[in-house]
Structure formats: C-alpha cells, structure tokens
C-alpha cells in the first residue's frame, strides 16, 4: 500500500482487519488522552508496523526532521485507521 503525504509517498505494509480493529481502540484512546508521550509511542509503534523494522523505518523517514516525521506518521495512522486525526475521537 502507498500512503501519499506532503513529504512524498511511502510504501507501507498491509494490515489485517483484526489488526486494524485492535489498533483502532488504542488510537482513539491515545488521541483522546492528549498525552504527548503516548502520542510519540503510538507513532513509533506505527512506524514499525508500516515499515517492518527500525532499519526500514530509518531508511524511509531518516531524511525528515522530527516534526516532518511526526506529520508523516500521523498521516500513516490516519490512513490505516480511516479516521481524521484532527478529531481525536475519530468520529
């Protein structure tokens, strides 16, 4: 699957419906908590999910600034979950 962001296109792994459902609950909980540490941990978790391992994530995201990387990861999370993360509850 390809996720198109303002920083380019990123090839990410497919996930199953079951994975998506489990992650959806976590994403809603983390975003509604507005806990910055949990948001960063969630981004790191999705980087590993999307790219398979740290090495691949480094290759894909390594040239981005920290802010740009966070924006790409939010876009990837939104893509996987099918929600607008501008609305923390996803509704």
PDB file of N, CA and C in Angstrom:
ATOM      1  N   UNK A   1       0.851  -1.167   0.000  1.00  0.00           N
ATOM      2  CA  UNK A   1       0.000   0.000   0.000  1.00  0.00           C
ATOM      3  C   UNK A   1       0.899   1.232   0.000  1.00  0.00           C
ATOM      4  N   UNK A   2       0.428   2.263  -0.643  1.00  0.00           N
ATOM      5  CA  UNK A   2       1.184   3.509  -0.703  1.00  0.00           C
ATOM      6  C   UNK A   2       0.398   4.605   0.004  1.00  0.00           C
ATOM      7  N   UNK A   3       1.083   5.305   0.914  1.00  0.00           N
ATOM      8  CA  UNK A   3       0.487   6.429   1.618  1.00  0.00           C
ATOM      9  C   UNK A   3       1.114   7.691   1.048  1.00  0.00           C
ATOM     10  N   UNK A   4       0.275   8.587   0.553  1.00  0.00           N
ATOM     11  CA  UNK A   4       0.731   9.842  -0.029  1.00  0.00           C
ATOM     12  C   UNK A   4       0.692  10.929   1.048  1.00  0.00           C
ATOM     13  N   UNK A   5       1.836  11.555   1.291  1.00  0.00           N
ATOM     14  CA  UNK A   5       1.923  12.631   2.272  1.00  0.00           C
ATOM     15  C   UNK A   5       2.515  13.858   1.598  1.00  0.00           C
ATOM     16  N   UNK A   6       2.524  14.980   2.291  1.00  0.00           N
ATOM     17  CA  UNK A   6       3.123  16.172   1.696  1.00  0.00           C
ATOM     18  C   UNK A   6       4.645  16.065   1.629  1.00  0.00           C
ATOM     19  N   UNK A   7       5.208  15.012   2.208  1.00  0.00           N
ATOM     20  CA  UNK A   7       6.651  14.771   2.161  1.00  0.00           C
ATOM     21  C   UNK A   7       7.009  13.619   1.237  1.00  0.00           C
ATOM     22  N   UNK A   8       6.053  13.178   0.450  1.00  0.00           N
ATOM     23  CA  UNK A   8       6.290  12.111  -0.513  1.00  0.00           C
ATOM     24  C   UNK A   8       5.404  10.912  -0.264  1.00  0.00           C
ATOM     25  N   UNK A   9       5.598   9.919  -1.105  1.00  0.00           N
ATOM     26  CA  UNK A   9       4.849   8.672  -0.995  1.00  0.00           C
ATOM     27  C   UNK A   9       5.673   7.656  -0.214  1.00  0.00           C
ATOM     28  N   UNK A  10       4.981   6.886   0.620  1.00  0.00           N
ATOM     29  CA  UNK A  10       5.637   5.888   1.449  1.00  0.00           C
ATOM     30  C   UNK A  10       4.946   4.553   1.260  1.00  0.00           C
ATOM     31  N   UNK A  11       5.729   3.542   0.929  1.00  0.00           N
ATOM     32  CA  UNK A  11       5.221   2.180   0.796  1.00  0.00           C
ATOM     33  C   UNK A  11       5.131   1.588   2.195  1.00  0.00           C
ATOM     34  N   UNK A  12       3.927   1.186   2.596  1.00  0.00           N
ATOM     35  CA  UNK A  12       3.712   0.616   3.924  1.00  0.00           C
ATOM     36  C   UNK A  12       3.098  -0.772   3.790  1.00  0.00           C
ATOM     37  N   UNK A  13       3.278  -1.574   4.837  1.00  0.00           N
ATOM     38  CA  UNK A  13       2.741  -2.925   4.849  1.00  0.00           C
ATOM     39  C   UNK A  13       1.220  -2.892   5.009  1.00  0.00           C
ATOM     40  N   UNK A  14       0.574  -3.889   4.426  1.00  0.00           N
ATOM     41  CA  UNK A  14      -0.858  -4.082   4.650  1.00  0.00           C
ATOM     42  C   UNK A  14      -1.081  -4.590   6.073  1.00  0.00           C
ATOM     43  N   UNK A  15      -2.241  -4.299   6.621  1.00  0.00           N
ATOM     44  CA  UNK A  15      -2.615  -4.882   7.904  1.00  0.00           C
ATOM     45  C   UNK A  15      -3.952  -5.594   7.737  1.00  0.00           C
ATOM     46  N   UNK A  16      -4.208  -6.507   8.635  1.00  0.00           N
ATOM     47  CA  UNK A  16      -5.456  -7.256   8.582  1.00  0.00           C
ATOM     48  C   UNK A  16      -6.576  -6.460   9.247  1.00  0.00           C
ATOM     49  N   UNK A  17      -7.786  -6.896   9.020  1.00  0.00           N
ATOM     50  CA  UNK A  17      -8.936  -6.289   9.672  1.00  0.00           C
ATOM     51  C   UNK A  17      -8.810  -6.410  11.186  1.00  0.00           C
ATOM     52  N   UNK A  18      -8.366  -7.569  11.647  1.00  0.00           N
ATOM     53  CA  UNK A  18      -8.211  -7.796  13.084  1.00  0.00           C
ATOM     54  C   UNK A  18      -7.169  -6.838  13.669  1.00  0.00           C
ATOM     55  N   UNK A  19      -6.040  -6.675  12.995  1.00  0.00           N
ATOM     56  CA  UNK A  19      -5.024  -5.726  13.464  1.00  0.00           C
ATOM     57  C   UNK A  19      -5.588  -4.308  13.516  1.00  0.00           C
ATOM     58  N   UNK A  20      -6.312  -3.939  12.456  1.00  0.00           N
ATOM     59  CA  UNK A  20      -6.898  -2.595  12.388  1.00  0.00           C
ATOM     60  C   UNK A  20      -7.865  -2.359  13.544  1.00  0.00           C
ATOM     61  N   UNK A  21      -8.716  -3.344  13.843  1.00  0.00           N
ATOM     62  CA  UNK A  21      -9.692  -3.195  14.932  1.00  0.00           C
ATOM     63  C   UNK A  21      -8.989  -3.042  16.282  1.00  0.00           C
ATOM     64  N   UNK A  22      -7.963  -3.842  16.519  1.00  0.00           N
ATOM     65  CA  UNK A  22      -7.228  -3.743  17.786  1.00  0.00           C
ATOM     66  C   UNK A  22      -6.528  -2.397  17.912  1.00  0.00           C
ATOM     67  N   UNK A  23      -5.915  -1.959  16.820  1.00  0.00           N
ATOM     68  CA  UNK A  23      -5.200  -0.681  16.843  1.00  0.00           C
ATOM     69  C   UNK A  23      -6.148   0.504  16.927  1.00  0.00           C
ATOM     70  N   UNK A  24      -7.326   0.367  16.342  1.00  0.00           N
ATOM     71  CA  UNK A  24      -8.307   1.460  16.348  1.00  0.00           C
ATOM     72  C   UNK A  24      -8.649   1.876  17.775  1.00  0.00           C
ATOM     73  N   UNK A  25      -8.882   0.880  18.626  1.00  0.00           N
ATOM     74  CA  UNK A  25      -9.197   1.171  20.030  1.00  0.00           C
ATOM     75  C   UNK A  25      -8.060   1.943  20.687  1.00  0.00           C
ATOM     76  N   UNK A  26      -6.850   1.496  20.436  1.00  0.00           N
ATOM     77  CA  UNK A  26      -5.675   2.130  21.022  1.00  0.00           C
ATOM     78  C   UNK A  26      -5.502   3.555  20.505  1.00  0.00           C
ATOM     79  N   UNK A  27      -5.675   3.753  19.207  1.00  0.00           N
ATOM     80  CA  UNK A  27      -5.525   5.080  18.610  1.00  0.00           C
ATOM     81  C   UNK A  27      -6.534   6.048  19.209  1.00  0.00           C
ATOM     82  N   UNK A  28      -7.787   5.643  19.305  1.00  0.00           N
ATOM     83  CA  UNK A  28      -8.811   6.517  19.886  1.00  0.00           C
ATOM     84  C   UNK A  28      -8.477   6.867  21.330  1.00  0.00           C
ATOM     85  N   UNK A  29      -8.031   5.880  22.088  1.00  0.00           N
ATOM     86  CA  UNK A  29      -7.692   6.109  23.492  1.00  0.00           C
ATOM     87  C   UNK A  29      -6.516   7.083  23.619  1.00  0.00           C
ATOM     88  N   UNK A  30      -5.470   6.863  22.845  1.00  0.00           N
ATOM     89  CA  UNK A  30      -4.279   7.720  22.932  1.00  0.00           C
ATOM     90  C   UNK A  30      -4.600   9.143  22.490  1.00  0.00           C
ATOM     91  N   UNK A  31      -5.300   9.296  21.369  1.00  0.00           N
ATOM     92  CA  UNK A  31      -5.601  10.640  20.883  1.00  0.00           C
ATOM     93  C   UNK A  31      -6.551  11.389  21.801  1.00  0.00           C
ATOM     94  N   UNK A  32      -7.483  10.706  22.408  1.00  0.00           N
ATOM     95  CA  UNK A  32      -8.399  11.407  23.309  1.00  0.00           C
ATOM     96  C   UNK A  32      -7.736  11.733  24.644  1.00  0.00           C
ATOM     97  N   UNK A  33      -6.651  11.021  25.001  1.00  0.00           N
ATOM     98  CA  UNK A  33      -5.936  11.324  26.244  1.00  0.00           C
ATOM     99  C   UNK A  33      -5.090  12.586  26.112  1.00  0.00           C
ATOM    100  N   UNK A  34      -4.715  12.913  24.876  1.00  0.00           N
ATOM    101  CA  UNK A  34      -3.890  14.089  24.596  1.00  0.00           C
ATOM    102  C   UNK A  34      -2.570  14.052  25.369  1.00  0.00           C
ATOM    103  N   UNK A  35      -2.063  12.849  25.625  1.00  0.00           N
ATOM    104  CA  UNK A  35      -0.794  12.637  26.321  1.00  0.00           C
ATOM    105  C   UNK A  35       0.317  12.586  25.273  1.00  0.00           C
ATOM    106  N   UNK A  36       1.190  13.577  25.287  1.00  0.00           N
ATOM    107  CA  UNK A  36       2.230  13.707  24.268  1.00  0.00           C
ATOM    108  C   UNK A  36       3.149  12.489  24.213  1.00  0.00           C
ATOM    109  N   UNK A  37       3.515  11.940  25.351  1.00  0.00           N
ATOM    110  CA  UNK A  37       4.379  10.753  25.369  1.00  0.00           C
ATOM    111  C   UNK A  37       3.703   9.560  24.707  1.00  0.00           C
ATOM    112  N   UNK A  38       2.420   9.374  25.003  1.00  0.00           N
ATOM    113  CA  UNK A  38       1.679   8.269  24.387  1.00  0.00           C
ATOM    114  C   UNK A  38       1.543   8.481  22.880  1.00  0.00           C
ATOM    115  N   UNK A  39       1.390   9.739  22.445  1.00  0.00           N
ATOM    116  CA  UNK A  39       1.299  10.028  21.016  1.00  0.00           C
ATOM    117  C   UNK A  39       2.590   9.652  20.303  1.00  0.00           C
ATOM    118  N   UNK A  40       3.738   9.979  20.913  1.00  0.00           N
ATOM    119  CA  UNK A  40       5.025   9.625  20.312  1.00  0.00           C
ATOM    120  C   UNK A  40       5.231   8.113  20.298  1.00  0.00           C
ATOM    121  N   UNK A  41       4.843   7.437  21.364  1.00  0.00           N
ATOM    122  CA  UNK A  41       4.952   5.978  21.415  1.00  0.00           C
ATOM    123  C   UNK A  41       4.075   5.333  20.347  1.00  0.00           C
ATOM    124  N   UNK A  42       2.888   5.883  20.145  1.00  0.00           N
ATOM    125  CA  UNK A  42       1.990   5.366  19.123  1.00  0.00           C
ATOM    126  C   UNK A  42       2.608   5.557  17.740  1.00  0.00           C
ATOM    127  N   UNK A  43       3.193   6.716  17.497  1.00  0.00           N
ATOM    128  CA  UNK A  43       3.870   6.957  16.223  1.00  0.00           C
ATOM    129  C   UNK A  43       4.990   5.958  15.995  1.00  0.00           C
ATOM    130  N   UNK A  44       5.782   5.686  17.027  1.00  0.00           N
ATOM    131  CA  UNK A  44       6.864   4.704  16.926  1.00  0.00           C
ATOM    132  C   UNK A  44       6.316   3.309  16.630  1.00  0.00           C
ATOM    133  N   UNK A  45       5.206   2.961  17.270  1.00  0.00           N
ATOM    134  CA  UNK A  45       4.587   1.655  17.030  1.00  0.00           C
ATOM    135  C   UNK A  45       4.122   1.537  15.578  1.00  0.00           C
ATOM    136  N   UNK A  46       3.522   2.604  15.063  1.00  0.00           N
ATOM    137  CA  UNK A  46       3.048   2.565  13.678  1.00  0.00           C
ATOM    138  C   UNK A  46       4.191   2.613  12.682  1.00  0.00           C
ATOM    139  N   UNK A  47       5.309   3.236  13.038  1.00  0.00           N
ATOM    140  CA  UNK A  47       6.482   3.217  12.156  1.00  0.00           C
ATOM    141  C   UNK A  47       6.962   1.777  11.977  1.00  0.00           C
ATOM    142  N   UNK A  48       7.021   1.037  13.072  1.00  0.00           N
ATOM    143  CA  UNK A  48       7.428  -0.369  12.987  1.00  0.00           C
ATOM    144  C   UNK A  48       6.407  -1.202  12.224  1.00  0.00           C
ATOM    145  N   UNK A  49       5.139  -0.940  12.458  1.00  0.00           N
ATOM    146  CA  UNK A  49       4.085  -1.654  11.747  1.00  0.00           C
ATOM    147  C   UNK A  49       4.173  -1.379  10.248  1.00  0.00           C
ATOM    148  N   UNK A  50       4.290  -0.111   9.895  1.00  0.00           N
ATOM    149  CA  UNK A  50       4.267   0.291   8.491  1.00  0.00           C
ATOM    150  C   UNK A  50       5.493  -0.171   7.716  1.00  0.00           C
ATOM    151  N   UNK A  51       6.665  -0.114   8.363  1.00  0.00           N
ATOM    152  CA  UNK A  51       7.909  -0.376   7.641  1.00  0.00           C
ATOM    153  C   UNK A  51       8.572  -1.697   8.012  1.00  0.00           C
ATOM    154  N   UNK A  52       8.046  -2.404   9.007  1.00  0.00           N
ATOM    155  CA  UNK A  52       8.519  -3.737   9.321  1.00  0.00           C
ATOM    156  C   UNK A  52       9.581  -3.816  10.399  1.00  0.00           C
ATOM    157  N   UNK A  53      10.492  -2.846  10.432  1.00  0.00           N
ATOM    158  CA  UNK A  53      11.547  -2.842  11.447  1.00  0.00           C
ATOM    159  C   UNK A  53      12.186  -1.457  11.500  1.00  0.00           C
ATOM    160  N   UNK A  54      13.042  -1.250  12.489  1.00  0.00           N
ATOM    161  CA  UNK A  54      13.674   0.061  12.672  1.00  0.00           C
ATOM    162  C   UNK A  54      14.545   0.457  11.484  1.00  0.00           C
ATOM    163  N   UNK A  55      15.246  -0.511  10.914  1.00  0.00           N
ATOM    164  CA  UNK A  55      16.131  -0.211   9.780  1.00  0.00           C
ATOM    165  C   UNK A  55      15.330   0.340   8.595  1.00  0.00           C
ATOM    166  N   UNK A  56      14.232  -0.312   8.262  1.00  0.00           N
ATOM    167  CA  UNK A  56      13.394   0.160   7.157  1.00  0.00           C
ATOM    168  C   UNK A  56      12.750   1.512   7.477  1.00  0.00           C
ATOM    169  N   UNK A  57      12.345   1.689   8.740  1.00  0.00           N
ATOM    170  CA  UNK A  57      11.763   2.972   9.147  1.00  0.00           C
ATOM    171  C   UNK A  57      12.807   4.077   9.019  1.00  0.00           C
ATOM    172  N   UNK A  58      14.048   3.784   9.427  1.00  0.00           N
ATOM    173  CA  UNK A  58      15.126   4.767   9.298  1.00  0.00           C
ATOM    174  C   UNK A  58      15.361   5.133   7.837  1.00  0.00           C
ATOM    175  N   UNK A  59      15.334   4.145   6.956  1.00  0.00           N
ATOM    176  CA  UNK A  59      15.524   4.400   5.522  1.00  0.00           C
ATOM    177  C   UNK A  59      14.404   5.283   4.977  1.00  0.00           C
ATOM    178  N   UNK A  60      13.182   4.986   5.382  1.00  0.00           N
ATOM    179  CA  UNK A  60      12.023   5.712   4.857  1.00  0.00           C
ATOM    180  C   UNK A  60      11.903   7.120   5.435  1.00  0.00           C
ATOM    181  N   UNK A  61      12.210   7.265   6.722  1.00  0.00           N
ATOM    182  CA  UNK A  61      11.933   8.516   7.421  1.00  0.00           C
ATOM    183  C   UNK A  61      13.182   9.297   7.813  1.00  0.00           C
ATOM    184  N   UNK A  62      14.345   8.718   7.620  1.00  0.00           N
ATOM    185  CA  UNK A  62      15.591   9.281   8.123  1.00  0.00           C
ATOM    186  C   UNK A  62      15.962  10.668   7.639  1.00  0.00           C
ATOM    187  N   UNK A  63      15.490  11.070   6.474  1.00  0.00           N
ATOM    188  CA  UNK A  63      15.845  12.383   5.937  1.00  0.00           C
ATOM    189  C   UNK A  63      14.892  13.486   6.390  1.00  0.00           C
ATOM    190  N   UNK A  64      13.865  13.115   7.124  1.00  0.00           N
ATOM    191  CA  UNK A  64      12.875  14.083   7.588  1.00  0.00           C
ATOM    192  C   UNK A  64      13.282  14.659   8.939  1.00  0.00           C
ATOM    193  N   UNK A  65      12.827  15.877   9.216  1.00  0.00           N
ATOM    194  CA  UNK A  65      13.010  16.429  10.558  1.00  0.00           C
ATOM    195  C   UNK A  65      12.057  15.682  11.500  1.00  0.00           C
ATOM    196  N   UNK A  66      12.232  15.882  12.790  1.00  0.00           N
ATOM    197  CA  UNK A  66      11.353  15.232  13.766  1.00  0.00           C
ATOM    198  C   UNK A  66       9.901  15.640  13.552  1.00  0.00           C
ATOM    199  N   UNK A  67       9.674  16.911  13.277  1.00  0.00           N
ATOM    200  CA  UNK A  67       8.309  17.399  13.046  1.00  0.00           C
ATOM    201  C   UNK A  67       7.731  16.778  11.778  1.00  0.00           C
ATOM    202  N   UNK A  68       8.525  16.738  10.711  1.00  0.00           N
ATOM    203  CA  UNK A  68       8.051  16.145   9.456  1.00  0.00           C
ATOM    204  C   UNK A  68       7.752  14.661   9.640  1.00  0.00           C
ATOM    205  N   UNK A  69       8.618  13.977  10.377  1.00  0.00           N
ATOM    206  CA  UNK A  69       8.393  12.555  10.632  1.00  0.00           C
ATOM    207  C   UNK A  69       7.083  12.341  11.387  1.00  0.00           C
ATOM    208  N   UNK A  70       6.838  13.160  12.402  1.00  0.00           N
ATOM    209  CA  UNK A  70       5.577  13.048  13.148  1.00  0.00           C
ATOM    210  C   UNK A  70       4.382  13.273  12.226  1.00  0.00           C
ATOM    211  N   UNK A  71       4.475  14.237  11.319  1.00  0.00           N
ATOM    212  CA  UNK A  71       3.369  14.506  10.393  1.00  0.00           C
ATOM    213  C   UNK A  71       3.140  13.323   9.460  1.00  0.00           C
ATOM    214  N   UNK A  72       4.222  12.707   8.981  1.00  0.00           N
ATOM    215  CA  UNK A  72       4.091  11.523   8.131  1.00  0.00           C
ATOM    216  C   UNK A  72       3.451  10.381   8.919  1.00  0.00           C
ATOM    217  N   UNK A  73       3.895  10.186  10.152  1.00  0.00           N
ATOM    218  CA  UNK A  73       3.338   9.090  10.953  1.00  0.00           C
ATOM    219  C   UNK A  73       1.869   9.314  11.270  1.00  0.00           C
ATOM    220  N   UNK A  74       1.468  10.541  11.519  1.00  0.00           N
ATOM    221  CA  UNK A  74       0.044  10.833  11.741  1.00  0.00           C
ATOM    222  C   UNK A  74      -0.751  10.513  10.473  1.00  0.00           C
ATOM    223  N   UNK A  75      -0.192  10.842   9.314  1.00  0.00           N
ATOM    224  CA  UNK A  75      -0.861  10.529   8.053  1.00  0.00           C
ATOM    225  C   UNK A  75      -0.980   9.015   7.872  1.00  0.00           C
ATOM    226  N   UNK A  76       0.072   8.288   8.228  1.00  0.00           N
ATOM    227  CA  UNK A  76       0.040   6.825   8.119  1.00  0.00           C
ATOM    228  C   UNK A  76      -0.995   6.242   9.079  1.00  0.00           C
ATOM    229  N   UNK A  77      -1.024   6.731  10.299  1.00  0.00           N
ATOM    230  CA  UNK A  77      -2.027   6.257  11.263  1.00  0.00           C
ATOM    231  C   UNK A  77      -3.431   6.539  10.722  1.00  0.00           C
ATOM    232  N   UNK A  78      -3.649   7.737  10.225  1.00  0.00           N
ATOM    233  CA  UNK A  78      -4.957   8.100   9.659  1.00  0.00           C
ATOM    234  C   UNK A  78      -5.324   7.177   8.506  1.00  0.00           C
ATOM    235  N   UNK A  79      -4.351   6.889   7.652  1.00  0.00           N
ATOM    236  CA  UNK A  79      -4.576   6.013   6.505  1.00  0.00           C
ATOM    237  C   UNK A  79      -5.010   4.623   6.960  1.00  0.00           C
ATOM    238  N   UNK A  80      -4.250   4.043   7.879  1.00  0.00           N
ATOM    239  CA  UNK A  80      -4.583   2.709   8.373  1.00  0.00           C
ATOM    240  C   UNK A  80      -5.946   2.675   9.054  1.00  0.00           C
ATOM    241  N   UNK A  81      -6.253   3.685   9.849  1.00  0.00           N
ATOM    242  CA  UNK A  81      -7.477   3.673  10.651  1.00  0.00           C
ATOM    243  C   UNK A  81      -8.685   4.209   9.894  1.00  0.00           C
ATOM    244  N   UNK A  82      -8.441   4.992   8.845  1.00  0.00           N
ATOM    245  CA  UNK A  82      -9.562   5.559   8.104  1.00  0.00           C
ATOM    246  C   UNK A  82     -10.281   6.641   8.885  1.00  0.00           C
ATOM    247  N   UNK A  83      -9.527   7.372   9.728  1.00  0.00           N
ATOM    248  CA  UNK A  83     -10.138   8.432  10.533  1.00  0.00           C
ATOM    249  C   UNK A  83      -9.373   9.737  10.352  1.00  0.00           C
ATOM    250  N   UNK A  84     -10.034  10.827  10.666  1.00  0.00           N
ATOM    251  CA  UNK A  84      -9.433  12.154  10.649  1.00  0.00           C
ATOM    252  C   UNK A  84      -8.889  12.413  12.042  1.00  0.00           C
ATOM    253  N   UNK A  85      -7.559  12.459  12.163  1.00  0.00           N
ATOM    254  CA  UNK A  85      -6.971  12.650  13.477  1.00  0.00           C
ATOM    255  C   UNK A  85      -7.006  14.097  13.924  1.00  0.00           C
ATOM    256  N   UNK A  86      -7.567  14.973  13.112  1.00  0.00           N
ATOM    257  CA  UNK A  86      -7.838  16.332  13.561  1.00  0.00           C
ATOM    258  C   UNK A  86      -8.964  16.303  14.596  1.00  0.00           C
ATOM    259  N   UNK A  87      -9.721  15.214  14.583  1.00  0.00           N
ATOM    260  CA  UNK A  87     -10.773  14.979  15.568  1.00  0.00           C
ATOM    261  C   UNK A  87     -10.337  13.788  16.406  1.00  0.00           C
ATOM    262  N   UNK A  88      -9.827  14.004  17.629  1.00  0.00           N
ATOM    263  CA  UNK A  88      -9.209  12.937  18.406  1.00  0.00           C
ATOM    264  C   UNK A  88     -10.073  11.695  18.614  1.00  0.00           C
ATOM    265  N   UNK A  89     -11.376  11.842  18.595  1.00  0.00           N
ATOM    266  CA  UNK A  89     -12.210  10.648  18.799  1.00  0.00           C
ATOM    267  C   UNK A  89     -12.383   9.865  17.515  1.00  0.00           C
ATOM    268  N   UNK A  90     -11.995  10.448  16.390  1.00  0.00           N
ATOM    269  CA  UNK A  90     -12.126   9.757  15.121  1.00  0.00           C
ATOM    270  C   UNK A  90     -13.536   9.744  14.578  1.00  0.00           C
ATOM    271  N   UNK A  91     -14.448  10.427  15.239  1.00  0.00           N
ATOM    272  CA  UNK A  91     -15.851  10.442  14.803  1.00  0.00           C
ATOM    273  C   UNK A  91     -16.098  11.515  13.767  1.00  0.00           C
TER     274      UNK A  91
END
